Amino acid sequence: MAQFVMEFERPLVDLEEKLQELKRLDLAADLELGEEIKELEAEIEQLRVTLYQALSPWERVQVARHPGRPKTQDYVEALCSEVVELNGDRLYGDDEAIFAGLATIAGHRCMVIGHRKGKSTKENIRRNFGSPHPEGLRKARRAMLMAEKFGLPVVTFVDTQGAYPGVEAEERGQAWAIAENLATLSALRVPIVAVGIGEGGSGGALAIGFGDRLIMLENAYYSVISPEACASILYKDAGRAPETASCLRMTAEDLVGLGIADEIIAEPLGGAHRDPSAVFAAVERAVIAALSELCVQDADALVERRFERLSAIGVYAEGE
């Protein structure tokens, strides 16, 4: 498979390609070539650090969308055992853009829910690129209520540009499905741990992405709207997405500063796709720590703190 290169990585990739060309040459025929290779390797390493340690919000969005980035199904496979997938909303059908299932994470029996993107074009089309239909959100709600019935904590993985905005989704009650999920999440009497693993756009993300803890990967984002949609509305020009991304306060660092997210999980230099195993291990540790703390708490206290958590977001002033 050809390497996927994000636009801001091009200067680094050009140097790496030059390095590979030099390494194919005969070192014995040019004694100075070895020194040139060492200097170029040092330059590449310095550029890599400079490039990835100071990413702009728009560049982080690109990393969050990298096709090689681990998906919900990868986290389920790496973190979970005894997985029993649940299908359908018992009203219309099954939406493959949402995964829901019973699973065990380090001894904790949980209900796991997540947006599910594909790893190929065919798979992405079948899963609607991770943008859920109403039946997908209703499947998620069915799983939430089942978790409450059996006293199981809920762990969600957030990775979507947003709920599907098509006519058929509206006809089947997309807005109502999102609202019902928010009401359910607010009152659910079991712990809820949400993990932002990639994209977190609009109501499609919020419908499974609110609870007692919000853990964000370093290059994940969470926003009321995607940068392109925001630019289209404000400027009638989706090409100004990099500009709007900087204004939306959508990065993990922004969210922690605003009191929306609780924790940031560092990613390998370049993104989670560079070393998935390290990311899986870090996410598992964070989820286990959150579950260990939350599962011993009283249900009434959980719901009350969740209400306080929601009420503390944002600043408002009452009129005289």
Protein backbone atom coordinates (compact mmCIF):
# COMPACT_ATOMS: atom_id res chain seq x y z
CA MET A 1 0.00 0.00 0.00
CA ALA A 2 1.34 3.45 -0.90
CA GLN A 3 2.27 5.70 2.01
CA PHE A 4 -0.40 8.25 2.85
CA VAL A 5 1.19 11.67 3.20
CA MET A 6 -0.55 14.58 4.92
CA GLU A 7 0.08 17.92 3.26
CA PHE A 8 2.11 19.36 6.13
CA GLU A 9 4.38 16.28 6.13
CA ARG A 10 5.59 16.83 2.56
CA PRO A 11 8.91 18.61 3.46
CA LEU A 12 9.77 15.72 5.80
CA VAL A 13 8.81 13.06 3.26
CA ASP A 14 10.91 14.77 0.57
CA LEU A 15 13.97 14.58 2.83
CA GLU A 16 13.26 10.95 3.70
CA GLU A 17 13.04 10.07 0.01
CA LYS A 18 16.33 11.85 -0.61
CA LEU A 19 17.90 9.86 2.23
CA GLN A 20 16.74 6.58 0.71
CA GLU A 21 18.26 7.58 -2.63
CA LEU A 22 21.60 8.33 -0.97
CA LYS A 23 21.59 5.02 0.87
CA ARG A 24 21.20 3.18 -2.43
CA LEU A 25 24.50 4.64 -3.66
CA ASP A 26 27.86 2.93 -3.27
CA LEU A 27 29.49 4.30 -0.11
CA ALA A 28 32.89 2.88 -1.12
CA ALA A 29 32.92 4.97 -4.29
CA ASP A 30 32.36 8.24 -2.39
CA LEU A 31 33.98 8.56 1.04
CA GLU A 32 32.07 11.77 1.80
CA LEU A 33 28.71 10.12 1.18
CA GLY A 34 28.57 8.53 4.63
CA GLU A 35 28.99 11.88 6.34
CA GLU A 36 26.31 13.41 4.13
CA ILE A 37 23.91 10.62 5.09
CA LYS A 38 24.56 11.20 8.80
CA GLU A 39 23.93 14.92 8.44
CA LEU A 40 20.70 14.31 6.53
CA GLU A 41 19.51 11.80 9.15
CA ALA A 42 20.12 14.38 11.87
CA GLU A 43 18.26 17.03 9.85
CA ILE A 44 15.31 14.66 9.34
CA GLU A 45 15.11 13.84 13.05
CA GLN A 46 15.19 17.51 14.00
CA LEU A 47 12.50 18.38 11.44
CA ARG A 48 10.34 15.49 12.64
CA VAL A 49 10.45 16.78 16.22
CA THR A 50 9.84 20.38 15.15
CA LEU A 51 7.00 19.39 12.83
CA TYR A 52 4.99 17.14 15.13
CA GLN A 53 5.48 18.94 18.44
CA ALA A 54 3.92 22.17 17.18
CA LEU A 55 0.92 21.03 15.14
CA SER A 56 -1.79 23.57 14.38
CA PRO A 57 -5.44 22.65 15.08
CA TRP A 58 -5.99 21.98 11.37
CA GLU A 59 -2.94 19.73 11.21
CA ARG A 60 -4.26 17.79 14.20
CA VAL A 61 -7.55 17.34 12.34
CA GLN A 62 -5.58 15.82 9.46
CA VAL A 63 -3.79 13.44 11.85
CA ALA A 64 -7.15 12.49 13.41
CA ARG A 65 -8.39 11.58 9.92
CA HIS A 66 -5.32 9.59 8.85
CA PRO A 67 -6.57 6.41 7.13
CA GLY A 68 -4.09 4.30 9.04
CA ARG A 69 -5.18 5.59 12.44
CA PRO A 70 -6.52 2.83 14.75
CA LYS A 71 -10.29 2.46 14.58
CA THR A 72 -12.85 1.43 17.21
CA GLN A 73 -12.64 -2.21 16.11
CA ASP A 74 -8.87 -2.14 16.68
CA TYR A 75 -9.36 -0.92 20.26
CA VAL A 76 -12.01 -3.57 20.87
CA GLU A 77 -9.67 -6.26 19.57
CA ALA A 78 -6.69 -4.99 21.59
CA LEU A 79 -8.42 -4.12 24.89
CA CYS A 80 -11.39 -6.45 25.10
CA SER A 81 -12.07 -10.13 25.62
CA GLU A 82 -15.31 -12.14 25.68
CA VAL A 83 -16.88 -9.80 23.14
CA VAL A 84 -20.54 -10.33 22.23
CA GLU A 85 -21.68 -7.86 19.55
CA LEU A 86 -25.24 -6.54 19.61
CA ASN A 87 -27.01 -5.71 16.36
CA GLY A 88 -30.03 -3.64 15.40
CA ASP A 89 -32.22 -1.04 17.08
CA ARG A 90 -35.37 -3.21 17.21
CA LEU A 91 -37.16 -0.53 15.19
CA TYR A 92 -35.64 -0.26 11.72
CA GLY A 93 -32.38 -2.11 11.13
CA ASP A 94 -28.70 -2.44 11.91
CA ASP A 95 -26.28 0.43 11.26
CA GLU A 96 -22.68 -0.73 10.79
CA ALA A 97 -21.41 2.78 11.54
CA ILE A 98 -21.97 2.01 15.24
CA PHE A 99 -20.45 -0.89 17.16
CA ALA A 100 -22.16 -2.04 20.36
CA GLY A 101 -21.34 -5.08 22.40
CA LEU A 102 -20.68 -6.70 25.75
CA ALA A 103 -16.98 -7.07 26.54
CA THR A 104 -14.48 -7.51 29.35
CA ILE A 105 -11.68 -4.97 29.87
CA ALA A 106 -9.10 -6.12 32.43
CA GLY A 107 -11.71 -7.89 34.54
CA HIS A 108 -14.39 -5.21 34.17
CA ARG A 109 -17.46 -6.49 32.33
CA CYS A 110 -18.63 -3.51 30.25
CA MET A 111 -20.88 -2.32 27.49
CA VAL A 112 -18.64 -1.04 24.70
CA ILE A 113 -20.02 1.37 22.09
CA GLY A 114 -18.16 3.17 19.33
CA HIS A 115 -18.23 4.76 15.90
CA ARG A 116 -16.94 2.26 13.37
CA LYS A 117 -15.14 3.42 10.24
CA GLY A 118 -13.85 1.10 7.54
CA LYS A 119 -10.30 0.23 6.52
CA SER A 120 -11.02 0.15 2.80
CA THR A 121 -13.23 2.10 0.43
CA LYS A 122 -15.75 -0.75 0.23
CA GLU A 123 -15.87 -1.10 4.01
CA ASN A 124 -16.15 2.65 4.52
CA ILE A 125 -19.10 2.84 2.15
CA ARG A 126 -20.83 0.01 4.01
CA ARG A 127 -20.19 1.77 7.33
CA ASN A 128 -21.00 5.21 5.94
CA PHE A 129 -17.50 6.45 6.86
CA GLY A 130 -18.43 6.23 10.53
CA SER A 131 -21.36 8.67 10.28
CA PRO A 132 -24.29 7.01 12.07
CA HIS A 133 -27.90 6.88 10.95
CA PRO A 134 -30.72 7.14 13.52
CA GLU A 135 -30.88 3.35 13.83
CA GLY A 136 -27.21 3.32 14.80
CA LEU A 137 -27.78 5.83 17.57
CA ARG A 138 -30.86 3.91 18.71
CA LYS A 139 -28.76 0.74 18.79
CA ALA A 140 -26.30 2.60 21.01
CA ARG A 141 -29.14 3.73 23.30
CA ARG A 142 -30.49 0.18 23.49
CA ALA A 143 -27.03 -0.94 24.60
CA MET A 144 -26.84 1.87 27.19
CA LEU A 145 -30.16 0.86 28.73
CA MET A 146 -29.12 -2.79 28.78
CA ALA A 147 -25.93 -1.79 30.59
CA GLU A 148 -27.97 0.07 33.20
CA LYS A 149 -30.31 -2.89 33.64
CA PHE A 150 -27.41 -5.24 34.43
CA GLY A 151 -25.26 -2.71 36.29
CA LEU A 152 -22.47 -2.60 33.71
CA PRO A 153 -20.26 0.46 33.08
CA VAL A 154 -20.30 1.93 29.58
CA VAL A 155 -17.11 2.60 27.60
CA THR A 156 -17.45 4.53 24.34
CA PHE A 157 -15.00 5.26 21.52
CA VAL A 158 -15.70 8.51 19.65
CA ASP A 159 -14.57 8.78 16.01
CA THR A 160 -16.96 10.43 13.55
CA GLN A 161 -17.26 13.60 11.48
CA GLY A 162 -20.88 13.73 12.58
CA ALA A 163 -24.24 12.03 12.31
CA TYR A 164 -25.36 11.36 8.75
CA PRO A 165 -27.21 14.50 7.50
CA GLY A 166 -29.10 12.94 4.59
CA VAL A 167 -32.82 13.24 3.94
CA GLU A 168 -33.52 9.61 4.84
CA ALA A 169 -31.82 10.08 8.20
CA GLU A 170 -33.98 13.10 8.93
CA GLU A 171 -37.07 11.16 7.86
CA ARG A 172 -36.19 8.45 10.38
CA GLY A 173 -35.71 10.94 13.21
CA GLN A 174 -32.00 11.77 13.38
CA ALA A 175 -32.41 14.79 15.66
CA TRP A 176 -34.77 12.88 17.95
CA ALA A 177 -32.34 9.96 18.18
CA ILE A 178 -29.49 12.28 19.21
CA ALA A 179 -31.68 14.02 21.79
CA GLU A 180 -32.83 10.70 23.28
CA ASN A 181 -29.23 9.54 23.60
CA LEU A 182 -28.22 12.74 25.37
CA ALA A 183 -31.09 12.39 27.82
CA THR A 184 -30.19 8.74 28.42
CA LEU A 185 -26.49 9.47 28.96
CA SER A 186 -27.35 12.25 31.40
CA ALA A 187 -29.45 10.00 33.62
CA LEU A 188 -27.77 6.60 33.21
CA ARG A 189 -27.12 5.09 36.65
CA VAL A 190 -23.85 3.37 35.73
CA PRO A 191 -20.36 4.81 35.05
CA ILE A 192 -19.68 6.18 31.57
CA VAL A 193 -16.15 6.58 30.20
CA ALA A 194 -15.79 8.17 26.75
CA VAL A 195 -12.54 8.04 24.77
CA GLY A 196 -11.92 10.41 21.85
CA ILE A 197 -9.75 8.36 19.48
CA GLY A 198 -10.03 10.43 16.30
CA GLU A 199 -12.73 12.72 15.00
CA GLY A 200 -15.48 14.06 17.24
CA GLY A 201 -17.92 16.02 15.13
CA SER A 202 -21.28 17.47 16.11
CA GLY A 203 -24.26 15.54 17.49
CA GLY A 204 -23.04 12.26 16.07
CA ALA A 205 -20.11 12.38 18.49
CA LEU A 206 -22.04 13.86 21.39
CA ALA A 207 -24.69 11.12 21.14
CA ILE A 208 -22.23 8.58 22.60
CA GLY A 209 -19.51 10.92 23.86
CA PHE A 210 -20.77 12.34 27.15
CA GLY A 211 -20.38 10.84 30.60
CA ASP A 212 -18.35 10.81 33.79
CA ARG A 213 -14.92 10.90 32.12
CA LEU A 214 -13.76 12.14 28.73
CA ILE A 215 -10.31 10.89 27.76
CA MET A 216 -8.80 12.40 24.61
CA LEU A 217 -5.94 11.16 22.48
CA GLU A 218 -3.46 13.95 21.83
CA ASN A 219 -4.42 14.44 18.17
CA ALA A 220 -8.14 13.72 18.50
CA TYR A 221 -10.64 16.57 18.26
CA TYR A 222 -14.14 17.22 19.56
CA SER A 223 -16.25 20.02 18.12
CA VAL A 224 -19.78 21.26 17.59
CA ILE A 225 -19.08 21.16 13.85
CA SER A 226 -16.37 20.05 11.43
CA PRO A 227 -13.98 22.80 10.25
CA GLU A 228 -15.17 22.45 6.64
CA ALA A 229 -18.85 22.74 7.55
CA CYS A 230 -18.11 25.73 9.77
CA ALA A 231 -16.20 27.46 6.97
CA SER A 232 -19.01 26.71 4.51
CA ILE A 233 -21.57 28.33 6.82
CA LEU A 234 -19.53 31.35 7.89
CA TYR A 235 -17.61 32.11 4.70
CA LYS A 236 -19.38 30.07 2.00
CA ASP A 237 -15.95 28.54 1.40
CA ALA A 238 -14.93 25.13 2.78
CA GLY A 239 -11.37 25.96 1.75
CA ARG A 240 -11.10 28.19 4.81
CA ALA A 241 -11.33 25.17 7.11
CA PRO A 242 -7.78 25.71 8.48
CA GLU A 243 -8.88 29.17 9.63
CA THR A 244 -12.04 27.97 11.36
CA ALA A 245 -10.23 25.02 12.97
CA SER A 246 -8.10 27.51 14.87
CA CYS A 247 -11.22 29.27 16.20
CA LEU A 248 -13.29 26.27 17.26
CA ARG A 249 -11.24 25.35 20.36
CA MET A 250 -11.50 21.71 19.31
CA THR A 251 -8.16 20.16 20.27
CA ALA A 252 -7.59 17.93 23.28
CA GLU A 253 -5.56 20.65 24.96
CA ASP A 254 -8.39 23.17 24.42
CA LEU A 255 -10.97 20.75 25.82
CA VAL A 256 -9.02 20.11 28.99
CA GLY A 257 -8.58 23.86 29.44
CA LEU A 258 -12.32 24.36 29.05
CA GLY A 259 -13.12 21.66 31.58
CA ILE A 260 -14.80 19.41 29.00
CA ALA A 261 -12.13 16.71 28.79
CA ASP A 262 -10.35 15.19 31.78
CA GLU A 263 -7.19 13.63 30.41
CA ILE A 264 -4.93 13.65 27.36
CA ILE A 265 -3.15 10.51 26.20
CA ALA A 266 0.12 11.28 24.43
CA GLU A 267 0.59 9.81 20.96
CA PRO A 268 3.80 8.65 19.29
CA LEU A 269 5.56 11.35 17.28
CA GLY A 270 3.57 11.57 14.05
CA GLY A 271 0.30 10.12 15.34
CA ALA A 272 -1.31 6.99 16.78
CA HIS A 273 -0.83 5.11 13.50
CA ARG A 274 2.96 5.19 14.04
CA ASP A 275 2.80 2.87 17.06
CA PRO A 276 -0.71 1.51 17.70
CA SER A 277 0.42 -0.95 20.36
CA ALA A 278 1.76 1.82 22.59
CA VAL A 279 -1.49 3.77 22.16
CA PHE A 280 -3.65 0.72 22.97
CA ALA A 281 -1.67 0.16 26.17
CA ALA A 282 -2.00 3.81 27.23
CA VAL A 283 -5.74 3.87 26.52
CA GLU A 284 -6.23 0.64 28.44
CA ARG A 285 -4.44 2.06 31.48
CA ALA A 286 -6.55 5.24 31.37
CA VAL A 287 -9.84 3.36 30.97
CA ILE A 288 -9.02 0.90 33.76
CA ALA A 289 -8.06 3.76 36.11
CA ALA A 290 -11.33 5.57 35.34
CA LEU A 291 -13.46 2.44 35.78
CA SER A 292 -11.72 1.53 39.03
CA GLU A 293 -12.54 4.95 40.43
CA LEU A 294 -16.09 5.23 39.11
CA CYS A 295 -17.41 1.70 39.66
CA VAL A 296 -17.24 2.00 43.45
CA GLN A 297 -19.30 5.18 43.53
CA ASP A 298 -22.99 5.38 44.43
CA ALA A 299 -25.32 5.62 41.42
CA ASP A 300 -27.13 8.71 42.75
CA ALA A 301 -23.80 10.45 43.33
CA LEU A 302 -22.66 9.56 39.79
CA VAL A 303 -25.72 11.14 38.21
CA GLU A 304 -25.49 14.21 40.45
CA ARG A 305 -21.81 14.79 39.59
CA ARG A 306 -22.58 14.28 35.92
CA PHE A 307 -25.20 17.03 36.13
CA GLU A 308 -22.73 19.32 37.89
CA ARG A 309 -20.10 18.50 35.27
CA LEU A 310 -22.46 19.48 32.46
CA SER A 311 -23.63 22.63 34.25
CA ALA A 312 -20.06 23.82 34.74
CA ILE A 313 -19.33 23.95 31.01
CA GLY A 314 -19.42 27.45 29.53
CA VAL A 315 -20.06 30.87 31.00
CA TYR A 316 -23.33 32.72 30.92
CA ALA A 317 -24.88 35.82 32.49
CA GLU A 318 -28.53 36.24 33.41
CA GLY A 319 -30.21 39.41 32.16
CA GLU A 320 -31.47 41.98 34.62
